[in-house]
Protein backbone atom coordinates (compact mmCIF):
# COMPACT_ATOMS: atom_id res chain seq x y z
CA UNK A 1 126.19 122.73 104.78
CA UNK A 2 123.25 120.68 105.92
CA UNK A 3 120.79 119.72 103.12
CA UNK A 4 117.43 121.43 103.27
CA UNK A 5 114.44 119.44 104.40
CA UNK A 6 110.91 120.65 103.89
CA UNK A 7 107.94 119.31 105.77
CA UNK A 8 104.48 119.36 104.30
CA UNK A 9 101.35 118.14 106.04
CA UNK A 10 97.65 117.71 105.45
CA UNK A 11 95.00 117.32 108.11
CA UNK A 12 92.21 114.77 107.78
CA UNK A 13 89.08 114.68 109.89
CA UNK A 14 87.42 111.31 110.22
CA UNK A 15 83.61 111.50 110.23
CA UNK A 16 81.82 108.44 111.48
CA UNK A 17 78.57 107.40 109.87
CA UNK A 18 77.43 105.89 113.15
CA UNK A 19 78.65 107.71 116.25
CA UNK A 20 81.13 105.92 118.51
CA UNK A 21 79.00 106.68 121.55
CA UNK A 22 76.21 104.57 120.07
CA UNK A 23 78.36 101.57 119.16
CA UNK A 24 80.71 101.50 122.12
CA UNK A 25 80.03 104.01 124.91
CA UNK A 26 83.04 105.26 126.94
CA UNK A 27 85.51 103.86 124.40
CA UNK A 28 86.12 106.84 122.13
CA UNK A 29 89.91 106.80 122.69
CA UNK A 30 90.17 103.15 121.71
CA UNK A 31 88.11 103.73 118.59
CA UNK A 32 90.23 106.75 117.63
CA UNK A 33 93.43 104.75 118.15
CA UNK A 34 92.02 101.97 115.95
CA UNK A 35 91.11 104.46 113.23
CA UNK A 36 94.60 105.98 113.47
CA UNK A 37 96.19 102.54 113.18
CA UNK A 38 94.02 101.75 110.16
CA UNK A 39 94.92 105.04 108.45
CA UNK A 40 98.61 104.55 109.26
CA UNK A 41 98.59 101.08 107.69
CA UNK A 42 96.71 102.31 104.62
CA UNK A 43 99.04 105.29 104.22
CA UNK A 44 102.25 103.26 104.43
CA UNK A 45 100.95 100.33 102.39
CA UNK A 46 103.14 99.37 99.45
CA UNK A 47 100.20 99.72 97.03
CA UNK A 48 99.71 103.39 97.90
CA UNK A 49 103.40 104.35 98.10
CA UNK A 50 104.16 102.66 94.76
CA UNK A 51 101.85 105.13 93.08
CA UNK A 52 103.99 108.00 94.38
CA UNK A 53 107.24 106.31 93.33
CA UNK A 54 105.88 105.57 89.82
CA UNK A 55 105.08 109.25 89.24
CA UNK A 56 108.29 110.97 88.04
CA UNK A 57 107.13 114.36 89.34
CA UNK A 58 106.58 112.96 92.87
CA UNK A 59 109.31 110.34 93.19
CA UNK A 60 111.90 111.61 95.71
CA UNK A 61 114.31 108.82 94.68
CA UNK A 62 114.51 108.92 90.87
CA UNK A 63 118.05 107.47 90.88
CA UNK A 64 117.00 104.42 92.90
CA UNK A 65 117.03 101.45 90.51
CA UNK A 66 114.98 99.15 92.73
CA UNK A 67 111.38 100.39 93.11
CA UNK A 68 110.93 98.34 96.29
CA UNK A 69 113.89 100.11 97.87
CA UNK A 70 112.45 103.48 96.84
CA UNK A 71 109.11 102.55 98.45
CA UNK A 72 110.89 101.54 101.68
CA UNK A 73 112.80 104.84 101.75
CA UNK A 74 109.61 106.77 101.06
CA UNK A 75 107.86 104.95 103.90
CA UNK A 76 110.44 106.42 106.31
CA UNK A 77 109.55 109.95 105.16
CA UNK A 78 105.78 109.55 105.56
CA UNK A 79 104.15 109.76 108.99
CA UNK A 80 100.60 109.86 110.30
CA UNK A 81 100.02 111.76 113.53
CA UNK A 82 96.88 111.60 115.62
CA UNK A 83 95.71 115.09 116.55
CA UNK A 84 92.76 114.09 118.77
CA UNK A 85 89.07 114.41 118.09
CA UNK A 86 89.29 112.09 115.06
CA UNK A 87 91.72 114.47 113.34
CA UNK A 88 94.87 113.07 111.73
CA UNK A 89 97.83 114.70 110.07
CA UNK A 90 99.77 113.25 107.15
CA UNK A 91 103.35 114.52 107.44
CA UNK A 92 105.85 114.21 104.60
CA UNK A 93 109.50 115.35 104.53
CA UNK A 94 111.40 116.04 101.33
CA UNK A 95 114.38 118.06 100.11
CA UNK A 96 112.27 119.78 97.44
CA UNK A 97 109.57 122.17 98.65
CA UNK A 98 107.22 121.81 95.65
CA UNK A 99 107.56 118.03 95.55
CA UNK A 100 106.85 117.82 99.28
CA UNK A 101 103.62 119.73 98.83
CA UNK A 102 102.53 117.78 95.73
CA UNK A 103 103.39 114.43 97.31
CA UNK A 104 101.43 115.31 100.45
CA UNK A 105 98.42 116.25 98.33
CA UNK A 106 98.73 112.99 96.38
CA UNK A 107 99.11 110.90 99.54
CA UNK A 108 96.04 112.57 101.05
CA UNK A 109 93.94 111.98 97.93
CA UNK A 110 95.09 108.36 97.65
CA UNK A 111 94.37 107.68 101.32
CA UNK A 112 90.89 109.22 101.07
CA UNK A 113 90.17 107.23 97.91
CA UNK A 114 91.32 103.97 99.49
CA UNK A 115 89.33 104.60 102.68
CA UNK A 116 86.21 105.40 100.67
CA UNK A 117 86.60 102.27 98.55
CA UNK A 118 86.96 100.17 101.71
CA UNK A 119 83.87 101.78 103.24
CA UNK A 120 81.93 101.19 100.01
CA UNK A 121 83.00 97.55 99.91
CA UNK A 122 81.96 97.00 103.54
CA UNK A 123 78.60 98.68 102.89
CA UNK A 124 78.04 96.57 99.76
CA UNK A 125 78.85 93.39 101.68
CA UNK A 126 76.44 94.43 104.43
CA UNK A 127 73.68 95.12 101.90
CA UNK A 128 74.31 91.76 100.22
CA UNK A 129 74.16 89.97 103.56
CA UNK A 130 70.95 91.69 104.65
CA UNK A 131 69.33 91.11 101.25
CA UNK A 132 70.21 87.41 101.40
CA UNK A 133 68.84 87.17 104.95
CA UNK A 134 65.61 88.89 103.87
CA UNK A 135 65.18 86.55 100.90
CA UNK A 136 65.75 83.49 103.09
CA UNK A 137 63.28 84.79 105.69
CA UNK A 138 60.71 85.53 102.95
CA UNK A 139 61.10 82.02 101.55
CA UNK A 140 60.69 80.50 104.99
CA UNK A 141 57.65 82.71 105.68
CA UNK A 142 56.01 81.62 102.40
CA UNK A 143 56.58 77.95 103.32
CA UNK A 144 55.09 78.47 106.77
CA UNK A 145 52.10 80.36 105.35
CA UNK A 146 51.55 77.54 102.84
CA UNK A 147 51.72 74.97 105.64
CA UNK A 148 49.22 77.00 107.66
CA UNK A 149 46.87 77.26 104.68
CA UNK A 150 47.08 73.48 104.12
CA UNK A 151 46.42 72.85 107.81
CA UNK A 152 43.44 75.22 107.83
CA UNK A 153 42.07 73.54 104.69
CA UNK A 154 42.19 70.16 106.46
CA UNK A 155 40.87 71.56 109.78
CA UNK A 156 38.04 74.03 108.97
CA UNK A 157 37.26 74.54 112.67
CA UNK A 158 40.57 76.31 113.16
CA UNK A 159 40.01 78.36 110.02
CA UNK A 160 36.87 79.93 111.52
CA UNK A 161 38.67 80.83 114.75
CA UNK A 162 41.49 82.41 112.77
CA UNK A 163 39.14 84.61 110.75
CA UNK A 164 37.14 85.66 113.81
CA UNK A 165 40.28 86.58 115.76
CA UNK A 166 41.43 88.92 113.03
CA UNK A 167 38.05 90.63 112.51
CA UNK A 168 37.32 94.12 113.73
CA UNK A 169 36.36 94.32 117.40
CA UNK A 170 37.76 90.88 118.18
CA UNK A 171 39.61 92.22 121.22
CA UNK A 172 36.39 93.59 122.73
CA UNK A 173 34.50 90.26 122.57
């Protein structure tokens, strides 16, 4: 008499590019909890769940007229469990066995894609920042070298000391 409910799950293992022990020693549990919270928010985000609801083969609520309501109902059926050791489990419940499995696979792929795009964006921003800092430092170095050259041109006595100091064996003298 009770309707059937099937549970499908997929396990994700989070691999850090820089080890937690290096960035924050003795805080692995906090970092894992933060990663779990991030994954949970990404997994239950409207943007991700809408993709499941829009797909007729995966939508568990095809009769629901309001797509926002279908997304909210779907959010209640999707869970993320922390399994320890940076392992997480996406759990999805559905009345249809095949749809539960396909939806879990889709949710896993979408979550991985979103996480990778966020990582790529952060890396690109970091590269842009470092490149800008390098260019600014190079510009400042060129200005300082030019100022030094002008000073040495006006003060030849200092120019001789500078060339002698950099010659071979200068430290022995």
